[in-house]
Amino acid sequence: MAKIASAGNYGPKVRSDCRVTIELTNSDGIQIELISKVEKFFGDHIISLTKSELAFFGIDNAKVKIEDRGALDFVIAARIEAALKKADNTISKSYLPEMKEHCKYKTAKDRLRRSRLYLPGGSPKLMLNAGLHGADAIILDLEDSVHPDEKESARLLVRNALRTIDFKGSERMVRINQLPLGFEDIKEIINENVNVVLIPKCESKQQVIDVNTYIKKFKKGKSPVFLMPIIESAKGVMNAYEIATACDNIIALTLGLEDYTADIGVRRSKSEEECFFAKSMVVNAAKAAGVQAIDTVFSDVGDMDGLYENVKQAKAMGFDGKGCIHPRQIKVVHEAFLPTEEELVRAKQIVDAYKTAKKEGKGVVSLGSKMIDPPVVKQAQHILKMAKLGGMIK
């Protein structure tokens, strides 16, 4: 009996995507119907790509309909593979596009993470130019932004995006689904130069260990993959420190306040007063564990003044970064994390005093009548680093 399945999106408002419908048949070879405004220019190429992929999977007989809205090769390939695997669940191979050189960069545990831009894992149009926005990190999301019926299709699209798209040096993050579905995400994306895996709705040390164990099972090569657990419940808040210390490749803890406020039975307010305990716990747990603390997203993308004040509050509490759900939030987040003039002057004085003491061979650093401890010097150096990145100093 013929099996029919579709993957992808098509319609007047869809851009940079396509819908592929495949009917596996018993005869008549490969029949391809292409509907595309760019068929005149790229039709032969799209058909050639389709035939090559079907041959790779050993498909000799099929009717294929491609409804294209300007999809690039990596998108078309992902949609064809997803439709095939829906039509025949015995297919296990992966059709991988060429790994581009601009995708092969590494990250560091202590790198700057002021901003992390969330992108829906099923929407290629938002991925293509995401690196131009200048976020410290890009999050390809496979969890909340993807419909349950499209999880596999999005997983393949994210895999191909990691192999293809130039994110201009932004750290490459993927938010997986809750376990056990998240294991399938890991298996698909872990060898595609992903820098950080975000673990959603994390409530225990064991969840982190399970994710890390699965990564080690499938990871090839020596380049590290870091972890960022997301605390989104009352239980997660109470277990924040044990979560932060579960593995040595954890680089940060972050918060999801929409789920947290729902869990404790309150409505999230603009002031976030009801979240003060959770924020304090996460910051304290992160700092005690020696990792970064990253604040939640600010959901009103039209309120730039509110965002600025929210980030200033987060900075004052000890957070090192903020989640973003729209590119226009990135610049505001970066500006809000910059030091004030007063902080900058003080930091320069502390670092200068440290350099002088070191040059003179003194074991004690002092500024005026006050002794300067090593952690204070470290914080001052961080302030100067932020100021340099923000163009405040050379």
Protein backbone atom coordinates (compact mmCIF):
# COMPACT_ATOMS: atom_id res chain seq x y z
CA MET A 1 0.00 0.00 0.00
CA ALA A 2 1.26 3.46 -0.90
CA LYS A 3 2.44 5.66 1.93
CA ILE A 4 2.04 9.44 1.73
CA ALA A 5 3.62 12.04 4.01
CA SER A 6 4.43 15.76 4.00
CA ALA A 7 6.93 18.03 5.72
CA GLY A 8 7.57 21.75 5.70
CA ASN A 9 5.48 24.85 5.11
CA TYR A 10 3.91 26.54 2.11
CA GLY A 11 1.59 29.51 1.71
CA PRO A 12 1.45 33.20 0.80
CA LYS A 13 3.11 34.31 4.06
CA VAL A 14 5.80 31.62 4.03
CA ARG A 15 9.34 32.58 3.00
CA SER A 16 12.54 30.55 2.58
CA ASP A 17 10.72 27.26 3.10
CA CYS A 18 8.89 24.59 1.12
CA ARG A 19 6.39 21.81 1.59
CA VAL A 20 7.42 18.39 0.31
CA THR A 21 4.80 15.67 -0.17
CA ILE A 22 6.01 12.19 -1.01
CA GLU A 23 3.98 9.15 -2.05
CA LEU A 24 5.98 5.94 -2.09
CA THR A 25 4.80 3.76 -4.96
CA ASN A 26 5.60 0.31 -6.37
CA SER A 27 6.27 1.34 -9.98
CA ASP A 28 6.63 4.13 -12.55
CA GLY A 29 9.96 5.45 -11.23
CA ILE A 30 10.48 8.95 -9.81
CA GLN A 31 7.89 11.58 -10.70
CA ILE A 32 8.53 15.13 -9.49
CA GLU A 33 6.08 18.04 -9.55
CA LEU A 34 7.65 21.40 -8.73
CA ILE A 35 5.64 24.52 -7.93
CA SER A 36 7.94 27.51 -7.54
CA LYS A 37 8.22 31.13 -8.66
CA VAL A 38 11.91 30.54 -9.26
CA GLU A 39 11.40 27.37 -11.30
CA LYS A 40 12.71 29.09 -14.44
CA PHE A 41 16.04 29.84 -12.76
CA PHE A 42 16.48 27.04 -10.24
CA GLY A 43 14.01 24.34 -11.27
CA ASP A 44 16.58 22.01 -12.81
CA HIS A 45 18.79 22.35 -9.73
CA ILE A 46 15.93 21.57 -7.30
CA ILE A 47 14.89 18.53 -9.31
CA SER A 48 18.50 17.31 -9.50
CA LEU A 49 18.88 17.72 -5.73
CA THR A 50 15.65 15.80 -5.15
CA LYS A 51 16.71 12.90 -7.40
CA SER A 52 20.12 12.71 -5.73
CA GLU A 53 18.59 12.54 -2.27
CA LEU A 54 16.02 9.93 -3.25
CA ALA A 55 18.81 7.83 -4.80
CA PHE A 56 20.82 8.15 -1.57
CA PHE A 57 17.91 6.65 0.35
CA GLY A 58 17.41 3.94 -2.23
CA ILE A 59 14.01 5.20 -3.41
CA ASP A 60 13.29 4.00 -6.95
CA ASN A 61 9.55 4.71 -7.17
CA ALA A 62 7.83 7.77 -5.74
CA LYS A 63 5.64 10.73 -6.55
CA VAL A 64 7.15 13.91 -5.14
CA LYS A 65 5.46 17.30 -4.96
CA ILE A 66 7.58 20.28 -3.96
CA GLU A 67 5.78 23.54 -3.24
CA ASP A 68 8.60 26.05 -2.92
CA ARG A 69 8.70 29.51 -1.37
CA GLY A 70 12.37 30.33 -1.91
CA ALA A 71 13.88 27.52 0.13
CA LEU A 72 17.64 27.00 0.04
CA ASP A 73 19.18 23.59 -0.58
CA PHE A 74 19.66 22.69 3.08
CA VAL A 75 15.97 23.37 3.74
CA ILE A 76 14.74 21.39 0.74
CA ALA A 77 16.99 18.49 1.70
CA ALA A 78 15.71 18.51 5.30
CA ARG A 79 12.07 18.60 4.18
CA ILE A 80 12.57 15.73 1.72
CA GLU A 81 14.27 13.61 4.38
CA ALA A 82 11.55 14.38 6.93
CA ALA A 83 8.75 13.48 4.51
CA LEU A 84 10.51 10.25 3.55
CA LYS A 85 11.00 9.19 7.16
CA LYS A 86 7.35 9.93 7.91
CA ALA A 87 6.31 7.82 4.94
CA ASP A 88 8.69 4.97 5.83
CA ASN A 89 9.77 4.79 9.47
CA THR A 90 12.35 2.11 8.70
CA ILE A 91 14.64 4.71 7.08
CA SER A 92 17.47 5.51 9.48
CA LYS A 93 20.21 7.05 7.35
CA SER A 94 20.83 10.81 7.27
CA TYR A 95 21.32 12.94 4.17
CA LEU A 96 23.85 15.53 5.31
CA PRO A 97 24.71 18.70 3.39
CA GLU A 98 28.37 19.66 3.18
CA MET A 99 29.77 21.05 6.43
CA LYS A 100 30.77 24.64 5.67
CA GLU A 101 34.08 25.96 7.02
CA HIS A 102 32.38 28.96 8.63
CA CYS A 103 30.46 26.51 10.86
CA LYS A 104 33.58 24.98 12.38
CA TYR A 105 34.34 27.33 15.24
CA LYS A 106 34.64 26.54 18.92
CA THR A 107 33.56 28.33 22.07
CA ALA A 108 34.86 28.79 25.59
CA LYS A 109 33.37 28.18 29.01
CA ASP A 110 33.81 31.80 30.12
CA ARG A 111 32.92 33.62 26.89
CA LEU A 112 30.55 36.58 26.96
CA ARG A 113 26.85 35.65 26.92
CA ARG A 114 25.05 38.97 27.35
CA SER A 115 22.44 38.11 24.72
CA ARG A 116 21.00 34.85 23.38
CA LEU A 117 18.54 35.12 20.50
CA TYR A 118 15.84 32.43 20.38
CA LEU A 119 14.91 31.18 16.91
CA PRO A 120 12.11 28.65 16.23
CA GLY A 121 13.69 25.44 15.00
CA GLY A 122 11.05 25.00 12.32
CA SER A 123 11.39 28.45 10.68
CA PRO A 124 14.34 28.70 8.26
CA LYS A 125 13.61 32.31 7.26
CA LEU A 126 14.55 33.51 10.74
CA MET A 127 17.80 31.53 10.74
CA LEU A 128 19.31 32.74 7.48
CA ASN A 129 20.47 36.21 8.58
CA ALA A 130 20.41 35.69 12.33
CA GLY A 131 24.16 36.13 12.65
CA LEU A 132 23.93 39.70 11.34
CA HIS A 133 22.08 40.84 14.48
CA GLY A 134 25.20 40.52 16.61
CA ALA A 135 23.85 38.38 19.45
CA ASP A 136 26.46 36.69 21.60
CA ALA A 137 24.58 33.43 21.03
CA ILE A 138 21.93 31.99 18.72
CA ILE A 139 19.47 29.45 20.15
CA LEU A 140 17.87 27.08 17.65
CA ASP A 141 14.82 25.98 19.60
CA LEU A 142 13.36 22.49 19.27
CA GLU A 143 11.08 22.70 22.30
CA ASP A 144 8.27 25.20 22.92
CA SER A 145 8.36 26.92 19.50
CA VAL A 146 7.84 23.67 17.55
CA HIS A 147 4.46 21.96 17.19
CA PRO A 148 4.46 18.36 18.49
CA ASP A 149 3.70 17.03 15.00
CA GLU A 150 6.74 18.81 13.54
CA LYS A 151 9.44 17.80 16.04
CA GLU A 152 11.27 15.41 13.70
CA SER A 153 11.09 17.78 10.75
CA ALA A 154 12.46 20.67 12.83
CA ARG A 155 15.23 18.45 14.20
CA LEU A 156 16.49 17.72 10.68
CA LEU A 157 16.21 21.38 9.70
CA VAL A 158 18.26 22.48 12.72
CA ARG A 159 20.85 19.80 11.97
CA ASN A 160 21.23 21.08 8.42
CA ALA A 161 21.30 24.71 9.57
CA LEU A 162 24.19 23.94 11.93
CA ARG A 163 26.13 22.50 8.98
CA THR A 164 25.33 25.32 6.59
CA ILE A 165 24.46 28.76 8.02
CA ASP A 166 27.07 31.37 8.87
CA PHE A 167 26.08 32.70 12.31
CA LYS A 168 28.96 35.21 12.20
CA GLY A 169 30.67 33.95 15.34
CA SER A 170 27.58 33.84 17.55
CA GLU A 171 27.73 30.89 19.92
CA ARG A 172 25.62 28.06 18.49
CA MET A 173 23.08 26.75 20.98
CA VAL A 174 20.24 24.24 20.66
CA ARG A 175 17.39 23.92 23.15
CA ILE A 176 16.38 20.28 23.10
CA ASN A 177 13.02 18.85 24.17
CA GLN A 178 12.33 17.43 27.57
CA LEU A 179 13.57 13.89 28.03
CA PRO A 180 13.13 11.31 26.63
CA LEU A 181 12.35 13.14 23.35
CA GLY A 182 15.43 15.26 23.92
CA PHE A 183 17.60 12.18 23.43
CA GLU A 184 16.49 12.05 19.79
CA ASP A 185 17.46 15.71 19.39
CA ILE A 186 20.92 15.04 20.84
CA LYS A 187 21.55 12.09 18.55
CA GLU A 188 20.72 14.19 15.50
CA ILE A 189 22.57 17.44 16.25
CA ILE A 190 25.44 16.66 18.63
CA ASN A 191 28.10 16.19 15.94
CA GLU A 192 27.13 19.27 13.93
CA ASN A 193 29.35 21.79 15.74
CA VAL A 194 26.76 22.75 18.30
CA ASN A 195 28.49 24.65 21.13
CA VAL A 196 25.88 24.53 23.90
CA VAL A 197 22.87 22.31 24.64
CA LEU A 198 20.08 23.90 26.67
CA ILE A 199 18.22 21.49 28.98
CA PRO A 200 14.60 22.66 29.46
CA LYS A 201 12.56 22.38 32.65
CA CYS A 202 15.50 20.99 34.58
CA GLU A 203 14.60 19.89 38.10
CA SER A 204 17.34 17.50 39.18
CA LYS A 205 21.02 16.67 38.98
CA GLN A 206 20.12 13.35 37.38
CA GLN A 207 18.50 15.03 34.37
CA VAL A 208 21.77 16.81 33.61
CA ILE A 209 23.78 13.62 34.08
CA ASP A 210 21.44 11.73 31.75
CA VAL A 211 21.82 14.36 29.03
CA ASN A 212 25.59 14.46 29.44
CA THR A 213 25.87 10.67 29.34
CA TYR A 214 23.87 10.55 26.12
CA ILE A 215 26.03 13.27 24.57
CA LYS A 216 29.18 11.30 25.39
CA LYS A 217 27.63 8.19 23.85
CA PHE A 218 27.14 9.81 20.44
CA LYS A 219 29.69 12.64 20.37
CA LYS A 220 32.61 12.19 18.00
CA GLY A 221 35.81 14.18 18.28
CA LYS A 222 37.28 16.11 21.19
CA SER A 223 35.61 19.54 20.84
CA PRO A 224 33.56 20.17 23.99
CA VAL A 225 29.80 20.58 24.12
CA PHE A 226 28.68 22.72 27.05
CA LEU A 227 25.40 22.52 28.94
CA MET A 228 22.99 25.19 30.14
CA PRO A 229 20.15 23.88 32.34
CA ILE A 230 16.98 25.99 32.34
CA ILE A 231 15.28 26.37 35.73
CA GLU A 232 11.51 26.62 35.16
CA SER A 233 9.80 25.24 38.27
CA ALA A 234 9.71 25.54 42.05
CA LYS A 235 11.49 22.19 42.35
CA GLY A 236 14.17 23.32 39.92
CA VAL A 237 14.76 26.50 41.94
CA MET A 238 15.20 24.52 45.16
CA ASN A 239 17.67 22.17 43.43
CA ALA A 240 19.55 24.89 41.54
CA TYR A 241 22.95 24.34 43.15
CA GLU A 242 23.00 20.58 42.69
CA ILE A 243 21.95 21.12 39.07
CA ALA A 244 24.71 23.71 38.53
CA THR A 245 27.34 21.30 39.87
CA ALA A 246 26.07 18.12 38.18
CA CYS A 247 28.77 18.10 35.45
CA ASP A 248 31.98 19.96 34.78
CA ASN A 249 30.86 21.10 31.32
CA ILE A 250 27.98 23.24 32.63
CA ILE A 251 28.64 26.86 31.69
CA ALA A 252 25.54 28.61 33.03
CA LEU A 253 22.15 28.38 34.69
CA THR A 254 19.24 30.23 33.18
CA LEU A 255 15.63 30.91 34.09
CA GLY A 256 12.27 30.40 32.40
CA LEU A 257 9.85 32.58 34.34
CA GLU A 258 6.68 31.91 32.34
CA ASP A 259 6.71 28.26 33.38
CA TYR A 260 7.99 29.08 36.86
CA THR A 261 5.18 31.53 37.66
CA ALA A 262 2.62 29.08 36.31
CA ASP A 263 4.12 26.39 38.53
CA ILE A 264 3.80 28.47 41.70
CA GLY A 265 0.33 29.66 40.73
CA VAL A 266 0.89 33.38 40.11
CA ARG A 267 0.84 35.69 37.12
CA ARG A 268 4.16 37.07 35.94
CA SER A 269 4.23 40.83 36.44
CA LYS A 270 6.34 43.49 34.73
CA SER A 271 8.24 44.14 37.96
CA GLU A 272 8.84 40.40 38.48
CA GLU A 273 8.61 40.90 42.24
CA GLU A 274 7.01 37.48 42.56
CA CYS A 275 10.17 35.98 41.01
CA PHE A 276 12.73 37.61 43.31
CA PHE A 277 13.32 34.44 45.32
CA ALA A 278 13.79 32.30 42.20
CA LYS A 279 16.15 34.83 40.62
CA SER A 280 18.21 35.12 43.79
CA MET A 281 18.44 31.36 44.17
CA VAL A 282 19.59 30.86 40.58
CA VAL A 283 22.18 33.65 40.75
CA ASN A 284 23.53 32.39 44.07
CA ALA A 285 23.64 28.77 42.86
CA ALA A 286 25.40 29.74 39.63
CA LYS A 287 27.99 31.91 41.37
CA ALA A 288 28.62 29.26 44.04
CA ALA A 289 29.18 26.71 41.27
CA GLY A 290 31.47 29.04 39.33
CA VAL A 291 29.23 29.32 36.26
CA GLN A 292 27.32 32.16 34.64
CA ALA A 293 23.81 33.24 35.60
CA ILE A 294 21.57 34.10 32.64
CA ASP A 295 18.25 35.89 33.13
CA THR A 296 14.97 35.00 31.46
CA VAL A 297 13.47 36.64 28.36
CA PHE A 298 11.52 39.92 28.40
CA SER A 299 8.32 39.11 26.56
CA ASP A 300 7.13 42.61 25.51
CA VAL A 301 9.13 43.18 22.31
CA GLY A 302 7.68 46.69 21.91
CA ASP A 303 8.76 48.04 25.30
CA MET A 304 12.42 48.96 24.93
CA ASP A 305 12.44 51.19 28.02
CA GLY A 306 10.96 48.39 30.09
CA LEU A 307 13.54 45.98 28.70
CA TYR A 308 16.40 48.33 29.57
CA GLU A 309 15.23 48.68 33.17
CA ASN A 310 14.65 44.93 33.41
CA VAL A 311 18.21 44.22 32.27
CA LYS A 312 19.63 46.83 34.66
CA GLN A 313 17.78 45.07 37.48
CA ALA A 314 19.15 41.71 36.33
CA LYS A 315 22.68 43.10 36.18
CA ALA A 316 22.34 44.52 39.70
CA MET A 317 21.28 41.08 40.96
CA GLY A 318 24.35 39.43 39.46
CA PHE A 319 23.09 38.06 36.15
CA ASP A 320 25.58 37.92 33.29
CA GLY A 321 23.17 37.80 30.36
CA LYS A 322 19.61 37.87 29.07
CA GLY A 323 17.48 35.87 26.68
CA CYS A 324 16.07 37.69 23.63
CA ILE A 325 13.03 36.78 21.55
CA HIS A 326 13.43 39.53 18.93
CA PRO A 327 16.54 40.94 17.22
CA ARG A 328 15.65 44.51 18.23
CA GLN A 329 16.18 43.54 21.88
CA ILE A 330 19.86 42.68 21.40
CA LYS A 331 21.23 46.22 21.20
CA VAL A 332 19.27 47.30 24.28
CA VAL A 333 20.49 44.28 26.24
CA HIS A 334 24.11 44.97 25.32
CA GLU A 335 23.81 48.64 26.28
CA ALA A 336 22.16 47.83 29.61
CA PHE A 337 24.97 45.44 30.53
CA LEU A 338 27.59 48.13 29.91
CA PRO A 339 29.18 49.60 33.05
CA THR A 340 28.22 53.05 34.25
CA GLU A 341 30.82 55.83 34.14
CA GLU A 342 31.24 55.50 37.89
CA GLU A 343 31.79 51.74 37.63
CA LEU A 344 34.26 52.25 34.81
CA VAL A 345 36.35 54.83 36.67
CA ARG A 346 36.44 52.64 39.77
CA ALA A 347 37.41 49.56 37.73
CA LYS A 348 40.29 51.43 36.07
CA GLN A 349 41.58 52.55 39.46
CA ILE A 350 41.47 49.02 40.85
CA VAL A 351 43.21 47.45 37.84
CA ASP A 352 45.88 50.18 37.80
CA ALA A 353 46.52 49.61 41.51
CA TYR A 354 46.80 45.88 40.87
CA LYS A 355 49.29 46.38 38.03
CA THR A 356 51.38 48.73 40.17
CA ALA A 357 51.46 46.30 43.10
CA LYS A 358 52.43 43.44 40.79
CA LYS A 359 55.19 45.52 39.17
CA GLU A 360 56.58 46.47 42.58
CA GLY A 361 56.42 42.88 43.78
CA LYS A 362 53.87 43.59 46.48
CA GLY A 363 51.61 40.79 47.64
CA VAL A 364 48.90 43.19 48.75
CA VAL A 365 46.88 45.51 46.50
CA SER A 366 45.57 48.73 48.00
CA LEU A 367 43.59 51.67 46.72
CA GLY A 368 43.88 54.61 49.05
CA SER A 369 43.34 53.24 52.53
CA LYS A 370 41.41 50.16 51.34
CA MET A 371 42.80 46.73 50.65
CA ILE A 372 41.73 45.18 47.34
CA ASP A 373 41.00 41.45 47.38
CA PRO A 374 41.60 39.26 44.26
CA PRO A 375 37.85 38.81 43.55
CA VAL A 376 37.46 42.61 43.43
CA VAL A 377 40.30 42.83 40.92
CA LYS A 378 38.69 40.08 38.83
CA GLN A 379 35.37 41.92 38.81
CA ALA A 380 37.10 45.16 37.80
CA GLN A 381 38.82 43.37 34.92
CA HIS A 382 35.44 42.02 33.81
CA ILE A 383 33.97 45.53 33.84
CA LEU A 384 36.81 46.80 31.65
CA LYS A 385 36.31 43.86 29.29
CA MET A 386 32.60 44.69 28.97
CA ALA A 387 33.43 48.35 28.39
CA LYS A 388 35.91 47.47 25.65
CA LEU A 389 33.41 45.20 23.91
CA GLY A 390 30.83 47.97 24.10
CA GLY A 391 33.19 50.55 22.61
CA MET A 392 33.46 52.63 25.79
CA ILE A 393 37.26 52.22 25.86
CA LYS A 394 39.94 51.07 23.43
